[in-house]
Amino acid sequence: MAIQVPTYQITQLANSSAPPRLGGEIPLYYTALLVRYGPQNWWPARSRFEVIVGAYLTQNTNWSNVEKALLNLRRARRLGVKGIRETPIDELETLVRPSGYFRQKARNLKTFIAFLDQQYSGSLSRMFAQPTEKLRSELLELNGVGPETANSILLYAGNHPVFVVDAYTRRVLLRHGIIGEKTGYEEIRAMIELAISSSEAESLVVQNSGSDPRHGISRMSSSARSVLAQHYNELHALIVRVGNHYCRTKPICEGCPLQSFLKTREGATARKTRESY
């Protein structure tokens, strides 16, 4: 099995609390996960708007619950900008109830539609045509949108090259000694983006990669993306996969595709990290 691994030119960020070896190892983690699992077909959705709705609904719940809520919306013919706009709030709450925190999530979806209408005349194309940092700042100002949700919308719905850091990302990097307890969200995101983008993105491929997708192919998972956005997509999805199966609250290191990267057994100490998927 041949793996193409480029030469990495990585520099340590100023005032970073993470060790400098991050840049050299993250691409190796990525290729190791690709060898085991292959592409994950994430995000499973039929449209950009469905991705956005899913990004809201997946907060504080698991994906199976999100799928139930999405199915409710689809059956009710409400899974679109016009549908959410015209749905009475009490009906919307009922439809998204399986995802939990349904009152809050229904209000937040309504807030997003109001933002889209006011700022971009209801057009997702106009919204996603904005510069990444401008749109990210606007999304973060909305109720119910934190960094993970904003980045998920940008990457998976908008093809913006932004890496999505979640609880699994922090847990894996922390247990492997790559980041410290106090390393912040934006620092982790910047370091991973630097590690991937500083390489020749096209060479971050493996020959004879695994074939064990988490989801079936969907319209959005197979849509055209920039090379860098595709790498961020796959790396995030693969980290979620290994987090679900191995890097749990109580880790299962035996058989993990990243086990060989552990420097000490102490690195596998279970830590309390809130799940996001």
C-alpha atoms as a PDB file:
ATOM      1  CA  MET A   1       0.000   0.000   0.000  1.00  0.00           C
ATOM      2  CA  ALA A   2       1.588   3.254  -1.109  1.00  0.00           C
ATOM      3  CA  ILE A   3       0.854   6.524   0.658  1.00  0.00           C
ATOM      4  CA  GLN A   4       1.848   9.818  -0.900  1.00  0.00           C
ATOM      5  CA  VAL A   5       3.102  12.090   1.873  1.00  0.00           C
ATOM      6  CA  PRO A   6       4.446  15.531   0.973  1.00  0.00           C
ATOM      7  CA  THR A   7       7.135  17.539   2.708  1.00  0.00           C
ATOM      8  CA  TYR A   8       5.578  19.959   5.175  1.00  0.00           C
ATOM      9  CA  GLN A   9       6.725  23.474   5.865  1.00  0.00           C
ATOM     10  CA  ILE A  10       5.077  24.231   9.210  1.00  0.00           C
ATOM     11  CA  THR A  11       5.823  27.084  11.556  1.00  0.00           C
ATOM     12  CA  GLN A  12       4.689  27.469  15.157  1.00  0.00           C
ATOM     13  CA  LEU A  13       2.064  30.156  15.723  1.00  0.00           C
ATOM     14  CA  ALA A  14       2.978  33.059  17.959  1.00  0.00           C
ATOM     15  CA  ASN A  15       1.784  32.676  21.560  1.00  0.00           C
ATOM     16  CA  SER A  16       0.693  29.106  20.854  1.00  0.00           C
ATOM     17  CA  SER A  17       0.071  26.727  23.745  1.00  0.00           C
ATOM     18  CA  ALA A  18       0.430  23.665  21.507  1.00  0.00           C
ATOM     19  CA  PRO A  19       3.670  21.802  20.744  1.00  0.00           C
ATOM     20  CA  PRO A  20       5.229  22.524  17.314  1.00  0.00           C
ATOM     21  CA  ARG A  21       4.998  18.875  16.197  1.00  0.00           C
ATOM     22  CA  LEU A  22       1.328  19.383  15.320  1.00  0.00           C
ATOM     23  CA  GLY A  23       2.112  20.393  11.757  1.00  0.00           C
ATOM     24  CA  GLY A  24       4.191  17.314  11.052  1.00  0.00           C
ATOM     25  CA  GLU A  25       1.714  14.803  12.440  1.00  0.00           C
ATOM     26  CA  ILE A  26      -1.760  16.017  11.509  1.00  0.00           C
ATOM     27  CA  PRO A  27      -1.327  15.164   7.811  1.00  0.00           C
ATOM     28  CA  LEU A  28      -0.058  11.730   8.851  1.00  0.00           C
ATOM     29  CA  TYR A  29      -3.120  11.226  11.035  1.00  0.00           C
ATOM     30  CA  TYR A  30      -5.255  12.204   8.066  1.00  0.00           C
ATOM     31  CA  THR A  31      -3.680   9.684   5.713  1.00  0.00           C
ATOM     32  CA  ALA A  32      -3.805   6.932   8.362  1.00  0.00           C
ATOM     33  CA  LEU A  33      -7.543   7.513   8.784  1.00  0.00           C
ATOM     34  CA  LEU A  34      -8.074   7.508   5.024  1.00  0.00           C
ATOM     35  CA  VAL A  35      -6.255   4.180   4.763  1.00  0.00           C
ATOM     36  CA  ARG A  36      -8.594   2.687   7.357  1.00  0.00           C
ATOM     37  CA  TYR A  37     -11.923   4.248   6.455  1.00  0.00           C
ATOM     38  CA  GLY A  38     -11.714   6.071   3.124  1.00  0.00           C
ATOM     39  CA  PRO A  39     -14.107   8.935   2.215  1.00  0.00           C
ATOM     40  CA  GLN A  40     -17.024   9.331   4.622  1.00  0.00           C
ATOM     41  CA  ASN A  41     -19.653  10.966   2.351  1.00  0.00           C
ATOM     42  CA  TRP A  42     -20.229  13.794   4.789  1.00  0.00           C
ATOM     43  CA  TRP A  43     -22.409  15.963   4.876  1.00  0.00           C
ATOM     44  CA  PRO A  44     -25.399  13.723   4.001  1.00  0.00           C
ATOM     45  CA  ALA A  45     -27.973  16.134   2.544  1.00  0.00           C
ATOM     46  CA  ARG A  46     -29.895  16.923  -0.616  1.00  0.00           C
ATOM     47  CA  SER A  47     -29.344  20.680  -0.606  1.00  0.00           C
ATOM     48  CA  ARG A  48     -27.263  23.476   0.884  1.00  0.00           C
ATOM     49  CA  PHE A  49     -30.206  24.552   2.988  1.00  0.00           C
ATOM     50  CA  GLU A  50     -30.632  21.061   4.400  1.00  0.00           C
ATOM     51  CA  VAL A  51     -26.983  21.215   5.518  1.00  0.00           C
ATOM     52  CA  ILE A  52     -27.677  24.501   7.291  1.00  0.00           C
ATOM     53  CA  VAL A  53     -30.731  23.124   9.049  1.00  0.00           C
ATOM     54  CA  GLY A  54     -28.759  20.021  10.028  1.00  0.00           C
ATOM     55  CA  ALA A  55     -25.963  22.174  11.443  1.00  0.00           C
ATOM     56  CA  TYR A  56     -28.480  23.842  13.763  1.00  0.00           C
ATOM     57  CA  LEU A  57     -30.275  20.646  14.726  1.00  0.00           C
ATOM     58  CA  THR A  58     -27.148  18.581  15.476  1.00  0.00           C
ATOM     59  CA  GLN A  59     -26.270  20.769  18.453  1.00  0.00           C
ATOM     60  CA  ASN A  60     -26.353  18.765  21.696  1.00  0.00           C
ATOM     61  CA  THR A  61     -27.738  15.612  20.115  1.00  0.00           C
ATOM     62  CA  ASN A  62     -26.729  12.689  17.921  1.00  0.00           C
ATOM     63  CA  TRP A  63     -27.176  12.452  14.178  1.00  0.00           C
ATOM     64  CA  SER A  64     -29.912   9.809  14.287  1.00  0.00           C
ATOM     65  CA  ASN A  65     -32.147  12.305  16.095  1.00  0.00           C
ATOM     66  CA  VAL A  66     -31.334  14.961  13.515  1.00  0.00           C
ATOM     67  CA  GLU A  67     -32.343  12.581  10.730  1.00  0.00           C
ATOM     68  CA  LYS A  68     -35.748  12.097  12.361  1.00  0.00           C
ATOM     69  CA  ALA A  69     -36.316  15.851  12.522  1.00  0.00           C
ATOM     70  CA  LEU A  70     -35.164  16.323   8.928  1.00  0.00           C
ATOM     71  CA  LEU A  71     -37.531  13.572   7.815  1.00  0.00           C
ATOM     72  CA  ASN A  72     -40.394  15.354   9.570  1.00  0.00           C
ATOM     73  CA  LEU A  73     -39.553  18.585   7.755  1.00  0.00           C
ATOM     74  CA  ARG A  74     -39.230  16.826   4.420  1.00  0.00           C
ATOM     75  CA  ARG A  75     -42.540  14.986   4.753  1.00  0.00           C
ATOM     76  CA  ALA A  76     -44.247  18.242   5.700  1.00  0.00           C
ATOM     77  CA  ARG A  77     -42.638  19.936   2.665  1.00  0.00           C
ATOM     78  CA  ARG A  78     -41.016  22.484   4.961  1.00  0.00           C
ATOM     79  CA  LEU A  79     -37.336  21.709   4.293  1.00  0.00           C
ATOM     80  CA  GLY A  80     -36.530  24.858   2.333  1.00  0.00           C
ATOM     81  CA  VAL A  81     -36.080  28.577   2.877  1.00  0.00           C
ATOM     82  CA  LYS A  82     -39.707  29.290   1.930  1.00  0.00           C
ATOM     83  CA  GLY A  83     -40.935  26.366   3.998  1.00  0.00           C
ATOM     84  CA  ILE A  84     -39.206  27.446   7.210  1.00  0.00           C
ATOM     85  CA  ARG A  85     -40.185  31.065   6.583  1.00  0.00           C
ATOM     86  CA  GLU A  86     -43.885  30.241   6.285  1.00  0.00           C
ATOM     87  CA  THR A  87     -44.135  27.590   8.980  1.00  0.00           C
ATOM     88  CA  PRO A  88     -45.769  28.824  12.205  1.00  0.00           C
ATOM     89  CA  ILE A  89     -43.349  28.603  15.100  1.00  0.00           C
ATOM     90  CA  ASP A  90     -45.432  26.082  17.050  1.00  0.00           C
ATOM     91  CA  GLU A  91     -45.590  23.775  14.024  1.00  0.00           C
ATOM     92  CA  LEU A  92     -41.858  24.138  13.453  1.00  0.00           C
ATOM     93  CA  GLU A  93     -41.208  23.229  17.073  1.00  0.00           C
ATOM     94  CA  THR A  94     -43.215  20.039  16.632  1.00  0.00           C
ATOM     95  CA  LEU A  95     -41.376  19.097  13.438  1.00  0.00           C
ATOM     96  CA  VAL A  96     -37.876  19.499  14.923  1.00  0.00           C
ATOM     97  CA  ARG A  97     -38.801  18.050  18.322  1.00  0.00           C
ATOM     98  CA  PRO A  98     -36.801  14.777  17.821  1.00  0.00           C
ATOM     99  CA  SER A  99     -33.554  16.780  17.775  1.00  0.00           C
ATOM    100  CA  GLY A 100     -34.070  18.075  21.317  1.00  0.00           C
ATOM    101  CA  TYR A 101     -34.097  21.691  22.542  1.00  0.00           C
ATOM    102  CA  PHE A 102     -36.807  22.046  19.915  1.00  0.00           C
ATOM    103  CA  ARG A 103     -38.175  25.437  20.986  1.00  0.00           C
ATOM    104  CA  GLN A 104     -34.741  27.005  20.954  1.00  0.00           C
ATOM    105  CA  LYS A 105     -33.771  25.388  17.650  1.00  0.00           C
ATOM    106  CA  ALA A 106     -37.032  26.415  15.968  1.00  0.00           C
ATOM    107  CA  ARG A 107     -36.482  30.035  17.043  1.00  0.00           C
ATOM    108  CA  ASN A 108     -32.888  29.928  15.845  1.00  0.00           C
ATOM    109  CA  LEU A 109     -33.931  28.631  12.427  1.00  0.00           C
ATOM    110  CA  LYS A 110     -36.441  31.472  12.164  1.00  0.00           C
ATOM    111  CA  THR A 111     -33.664  33.911  13.119  1.00  0.00           C
ATOM    112  CA  PHE A 112     -31.466  32.562  10.346  1.00  0.00           C
ATOM    113  CA  ILE A 113     -34.242  33.001   7.766  1.00  0.00           C
ATOM    114  CA  ALA A 114     -34.808  36.582   8.941  1.00  0.00           C
ATOM    115  CA  PHE A 115     -31.068  37.245   8.558  1.00  0.00           C
ATOM    116  CA  LEU A 116     -31.000  35.676   5.092  1.00  0.00           C
ATOM    117  CA  ASP A 117     -34.013  37.710   3.987  1.00  0.00           C
ATOM    118  CA  GLN A 118     -32.761  40.999   5.392  1.00  0.00           C
ATOM    119  CA  GLN A 119     -29.118  40.754   4.357  1.00  0.00           C
ATOM    120  CA  TYR A 120     -29.274  38.687   1.171  1.00  0.00           C
ATOM    121  CA  SER A 121     -32.877  38.873  -0.069  1.00  0.00           C
ATOM    122  CA  GLY A 122     -33.386  35.224   0.842  1.00  0.00           C
ATOM    123  CA  SER A 123     -30.588  34.041  -1.479  1.00  0.00           C
ATOM    124  CA  LEU A 124     -28.092  31.446  -0.273  1.00  0.00           C
ATOM    125  CA  SER A 125     -26.006  32.076  -3.394  1.00  0.00           C
ATOM    126  CA  ARG A 126     -25.616  35.750  -2.481  1.00  0.00           C
ATOM    127  CA  MET A 127     -24.804  34.845   1.096  1.00  0.00           C
ATOM    128  CA  PHE A 128     -22.138  32.295   0.235  1.00  0.00           C
ATOM    129  CA  ALA A 129     -20.571  34.661  -2.319  1.00  0.00           C
ATOM    130  CA  GLN A 130     -19.359  36.808   0.591  1.00  0.00           C
ATOM    131  CA  PRO A 131     -15.749  36.644   1.789  1.00  0.00           C
ATOM    132  CA  THR A 132     -15.284  33.878   4.331  1.00  0.00           C
ATOM    133  CA  GLU A 133     -14.373  35.985   7.350  1.00  0.00           C
ATOM    134  CA  LYS A 134     -17.136  38.535   6.678  1.00  0.00           C
ATOM    135  CA  LEU A 135     -19.803  35.856   6.460  1.00  0.00           C
ATOM    136  CA  ARG A 136     -18.383  33.977   9.421  1.00  0.00           C
ATOM    137  CA  SER A 137     -18.597  37.132  11.559  1.00  0.00           C
ATOM    138  CA  GLU A 138     -22.204  37.667  10.495  1.00  0.00           C
ATOM    139  CA  LEU A 139     -23.183  34.094  11.294  1.00  0.00           C
ATOM    140  CA  LEU A 140     -21.548  34.253  14.716  1.00  0.00           C
ATOM    141  CA  GLU A 141     -23.746  37.219  15.585  1.00  0.00           C
ATOM    142  CA  LEU A 142     -26.880  35.095  15.201  1.00  0.00           C
ATOM    143  CA  ASN A 143     -28.518  33.401  18.180  1.00  0.00           C
ATOM    144  CA  GLY A 144     -27.699  29.709  18.247  1.00  0.00           C
ATOM    145  CA  VAL A 145     -24.577  29.945  16.094  1.00  0.00           C
ATOM    146  CA  GLY A 146     -21.229  29.223  17.704  1.00  0.00           C
ATOM    147  CA  PRO A 147     -17.893  28.604  15.962  1.00  0.00           C
ATOM    148  CA  GLU A 148     -18.613  24.943  15.189  1.00  0.00           C
ATOM    149  CA  THR A 149     -22.017  25.654  13.653  1.00  0.00           C
ATOM    150  CA  ALA A 150     -20.745  28.654  11.684  1.00  0.00           C
ATOM    151  CA  ASN A 151     -17.817  26.694  10.292  1.00  0.00           C
ATOM    152  CA  SER A 152     -20.039  23.733   9.410  1.00  0.00           C
ATOM    153  CA  ILE A 153     -22.322  26.026   7.419  1.00  0.00           C
ATOM    154  CA  LEU A 154     -19.374  27.671   5.680  1.00  0.00           C
ATOM    155  CA  LEU A 155     -17.579  24.445   4.798  1.00  0.00           C
ATOM    156  CA  TYR A 156     -20.308  21.939   4.082  1.00  0.00           C
ATOM    157  CA  ALA A 157     -22.987  24.212   2.619  1.00  0.00           C
ATOM    158  CA  GLY A 158     -20.866  27.014   1.206  1.00  0.00           C
ATOM    159  CA  ASN A 159     -17.610  25.359   0.079  1.00  0.00           C
ATOM    160  CA  HIS A 160     -15.565  27.849   2.098  1.00  0.00           C
ATOM    161  CA  PRO A 161     -12.193  26.386   3.162  1.00  0.00           C
ATOM    162  CA  VAL A 162     -12.705  26.445   6.943  1.00  0.00           C
ATOM    163  CA  PHE A 163     -11.894  23.508   9.218  1.00  0.00           C
ATOM    164  CA  VAL A 164     -14.586  22.447  11.701  1.00  0.00           C
ATOM    165  CA  VAL A 165     -13.228  21.817  15.187  1.00  0.00           C
ATOM    166  CA  ASP A 166     -15.505  19.775  17.426  1.00  0.00           C
ATOM    167  CA  ALA A 167     -15.312  17.914  20.725  1.00  0.00           C
ATOM    168  CA  TYR A 168     -13.761  14.873  19.049  1.00  0.00           C
ATOM    169  CA  THR A 169     -11.004  16.996  17.481  1.00  0.00           C
ATOM    170  CA  ARG A 170     -10.056  18.425  20.858  1.00  0.00           C
ATOM    171  CA  ARG A 171     -10.206  15.027  22.532  1.00  0.00           C
ATOM    172  CA  VAL A 172      -8.000  13.255  19.984  1.00  0.00           C
ATOM    173  CA  LEU A 173      -5.391  16.027  19.898  1.00  0.00           C
ATOM    174  CA  LEU A 174      -5.364  16.360  23.678  1.00  0.00           C
ATOM    175  CA  ARG A 175      -4.894  12.656  24.297  1.00  0.00           C
ATOM    176  CA  HIS A 176      -2.067  12.559  21.783  1.00  0.00           C
ATOM    177  CA  GLY A 177      -0.311  15.466  23.467  1.00  0.00           C
ATOM    178  CA  ILE A 178      -0.641  17.728  20.430  1.00  0.00           C
ATOM    179  CA  ILE A 179      -2.582  20.454  22.242  1.00  0.00           C
ATOM    180  CA  GLY A 180      -2.847  21.502  25.852  1.00  0.00           C
ATOM    181  CA  GLU A 181      -5.860  21.773  28.136  1.00  0.00           C
ATOM    182  CA  LYS A 182      -6.060  25.533  27.552  1.00  0.00           C
ATOM    183  CA  THR A 183      -5.677  25.530  23.778  1.00  0.00           C
ATOM    184  CA  GLY A 184      -8.617  27.485  22.380  1.00  0.00           C
ATOM    185  CA  TYR A 185     -10.973  26.759  19.494  1.00  0.00           C
ATOM    186  CA  GLU A 186      -9.527  29.320  17.088  1.00  0.00           C
ATOM    187  CA  GLU A 187      -5.983  28.245  17.818  1.00  0.00           C
ATOM    188  CA  ILE A 188      -6.792  24.614  17.065  1.00  0.00           C
ATOM    189  CA  ARG A 189      -8.567  25.616  13.849  1.00  0.00           C
ATOM    190  CA  ALA A 190      -5.698  27.832  12.710  1.00  0.00           C
ATOM    191  CA  MET A 191      -3.079  25.170  13.425  1.00  0.00           C
ATOM    192  CA  ILE A 192      -4.922  22.427  11.558  1.00  0.00           C
ATOM    193  CA  GLU A 193      -5.622  24.702   8.605  1.00  0.00           C
ATOM    194  CA  LEU A 194      -1.949  25.649   8.530  1.00  0.00           C
ATOM    195  CA  ALA A 195      -0.879  22.005   8.697  1.00  0.00           C
ATOM    196  CA  ILE A 196      -3.044  21.042   5.726  1.00  0.00           C
ATOM    197  CA  SER A 197      -2.850  24.169   3.587  1.00  0.00           C
ATOM    198  CA  SER A 198       0.928  24.516   3.936  1.00  0.00           C
ATOM    199  CA  SER A 199       1.356  21.211   2.165  1.00  0.00           C
ATOM    200  CA  GLU A 200       0.651  20.493  -1.455  1.00  0.00           C
ATOM    201  CA  ALA A 201      -3.060  19.805  -0.948  1.00  0.00           C
ATOM    202  CA  GLU A 202      -3.310  17.582  -4.012  1.00  0.00           C
ATOM    203  CA  SER A 203      -0.689  15.229  -2.581  1.00  0.00           C
ATOM    204  CA  LEU A 204      -2.693  14.503   0.567  1.00  0.00           C
ATOM    205  CA  VAL A 205      -4.016  11.321  -0.961  1.00  0.00           C
ATOM    206  CA  VAL A 206      -3.577   7.613  -0.353  1.00  0.00           C
ATOM    207  CA  GLN A 207      -3.524   4.760  -2.784  1.00  0.00           C
ATOM    208  CA  ASN A 208      -5.874   1.906  -1.968  1.00  0.00           C
ATOM    209  CA  SER A 209      -7.723   3.903   0.661  1.00  0.00           C
ATOM    210  CA  GLY A 210     -10.330   2.257   2.851  1.00  0.00           C
ATOM    211  CA  SER A 211     -13.922   1.800   1.750  1.00  0.00           C
ATOM    212  CA  ASP A 212     -15.993   2.092   4.896  1.00  0.00           C
ATOM    213  CA  PRO A 213     -18.130   5.244   4.603  1.00  0.00           C
ATOM    214  CA  ARG A 214     -20.265   6.346   7.510  1.00  0.00           C
ATOM    215  CA  HIS A 215     -23.059   7.466   5.189  1.00  0.00           C
ATOM    216  CA  GLY A 216     -24.311   6.765   1.707  1.00  0.00           C
ATOM    217  CA  ILE A 217     -23.487   9.144  -1.121  1.00  0.00           C
ATOM    218  CA  SER A 218     -25.797  12.161  -1.244  1.00  0.00           C
ATOM    219  CA  ARG A 219     -26.145  15.159  -3.516  1.00  0.00           C
ATOM    220  CA  MET A 220     -24.185  17.370  -1.124  1.00  0.00           C
ATOM    221  CA  SER A 221     -21.519  14.832  -0.170  1.00  0.00           C
ATOM    222  CA  SER A 222     -20.720  14.329  -3.872  1.00  0.00           C
ATOM    223  CA  SER A 223     -20.914  17.993  -4.898  1.00  0.00           C
ATOM    224  CA  ALA A 224     -17.900  19.766  -6.382  1.00  0.00           C
ATOM    225  CA  ARG A 225     -15.583  21.412  -3.850  1.00  0.00           C
ATOM    226  CA  SER A 226     -12.237  23.114  -3.875  1.00  0.00           C
ATOM    227  CA  VAL A 227      -9.353  20.754  -3.134  1.00  0.00           C
ATOM    228  CA  LEU A 228      -8.674  22.393   0.228  1.00  0.00           C
ATOM    229  CA  ALA A 229     -12.338  22.376   1.278  1.00  0.00           C
ATOM    230  CA  GLN A 230     -12.521  18.683   0.378  1.00  0.00           C
ATOM    231  CA  HIS A 231      -9.521  17.890   2.597  1.00  0.00           C
ATOM    232  CA  TYR A 232     -11.046  19.823   5.517  1.00  0.00           C
ATOM    233  CA  ASN A 233     -14.309  17.993   4.896  1.00  0.00           C
ATOM    234  CA  GLU A 234     -12.746  14.540   4.962  1.00  0.00           C
ATOM    235  CA  LEU A 235     -10.411  15.197   7.887  1.00  0.00           C
ATOM    236  CA  HIS A 236     -13.241  16.444  10.080  1.00  0.00           C
ATOM    237  CA  ALA A 237     -15.513  13.535   9.119  1.00  0.00           C
ATOM    238  CA  LEU A 238     -12.728  11.019   9.770  1.00  0.00           C
ATOM    239  CA  ILE A 239     -11.992  12.489  13.196  1.00  0.00           C
ATOM    240  CA  VAL A 240     -15.686  12.177  14.059  1.00  0.00           C
ATOM    241  CA  ARG A 241     -15.566   8.559  12.866  1.00  0.00           C
ATOM    242  CA  VAL A 242     -12.580   7.616  15.025  1.00  0.00           C
ATOM    243  CA  GLY A 243     -14.067   9.560  17.928  1.00  0.00           C
ATOM    244  CA  ASN A 244     -17.332   7.644  17.701  1.00  0.00           C
ATOM    245  CA  HIS A 245     -15.673   4.248  17.566  1.00  0.00           C
ATOM    246  CA  TYR A 246     -12.482   4.579  19.591  1.00  0.00           C
ATOM    247  CA  CYS A 247     -11.741   7.945  21.212  1.00  0.00           C
ATOM    248  CA  ARG A 248     -14.773   7.916  23.482  1.00  0.00           C
ATOM    249  CA  THR A 249     -15.047   9.300  26.993  1.00  0.00           C
ATOM    250  CA  LYS A 250     -13.493   5.990  27.999  1.00  0.00           C
ATOM    251  CA  PRO A 251     -11.009   5.372  25.173  1.00  0.00           C
ATOM    252  CA  ILE A 252     -10.685   2.121  23.260  1.00  0.00           C
ATOM    253  CA  CYS A 253      -7.126   2.364  21.967  1.00  0.00           C
ATOM    254  CA  GLU A 254      -6.731  -1.231  20.806  1.00  0.00           C
ATOM    255  CA  GLY A 255      -7.403  -1.362  17.081  1.00  0.00           C
ATOM    256  CA  CYS A 256      -7.626   2.412  16.662  1.00  0.00           C
ATOM    257  CA  PRO A 257      -5.994   3.592  13.412  1.00  0.00           C
ATOM    258  CA  LEU A 258      -4.244   6.312  15.424  1.00  0.00           C
ATOM    259  CA  GLN A 259      -2.943   4.013  18.159  1.00  0.00           C
ATOM    260  CA  SER A 260       0.599   3.956  16.779  1.00  0.00           C
ATOM    261  CA  PHE A 261       0.811   7.741  17.160  1.00  0.00           C
ATOM    262  CA  LEU A 262       0.293   7.644  20.943  1.00  0.00           C
ATOM    263  CA  LYS A 263       3.543   8.547  22.674  1.00  0.00           C
ATOM    264  CA  THR A 264       2.616   7.264  26.141  1.00  0.00           C
ATOM    265  CA  ARG A 265      -0.259   5.380  27.708  1.00  0.00           C
ATOM    266  CA  GLU A 266      -1.002   8.520  29.699  1.00  0.00           C
ATOM    267  CA  GLY A 267      -2.034  10.161  26.442  1.00  0.00           C
ATOM    268  CA  ALA A 268      -5.067   7.910  26.372  1.00  0.00           C
ATOM    269  CA  THR A 269      -6.381   9.018  29.760  1.00  0.00           C
ATOM    270  CA  ALA A 270     -10.112   9.611  29.532  1.00  0.00           C
ATOM    271  CA  ARG A 271     -11.104  13.228  29.772  1.00  0.00           C
ATOM    272  CA  LYS A 272     -14.554  14.734  30.150  1.00  0.00           C
ATOM    273  CA  THR A 273     -15.304  16.364  26.790  1.00  0.00           C
ATOM    274  CA  ARG A 274     -18.841  17.222  25.697  1.00  0.00           C
ATOM    275  CA  GLU A 275     -19.917  15.375  22.565  1.00  0.00           C
ATOM    276  CA  SER A 276     -21.153  17.387  19.584  1.00  0.00           C
ATOM    277  CA  TYR A 277     -22.246  14.575  17.245  1.00  0.00           C
END
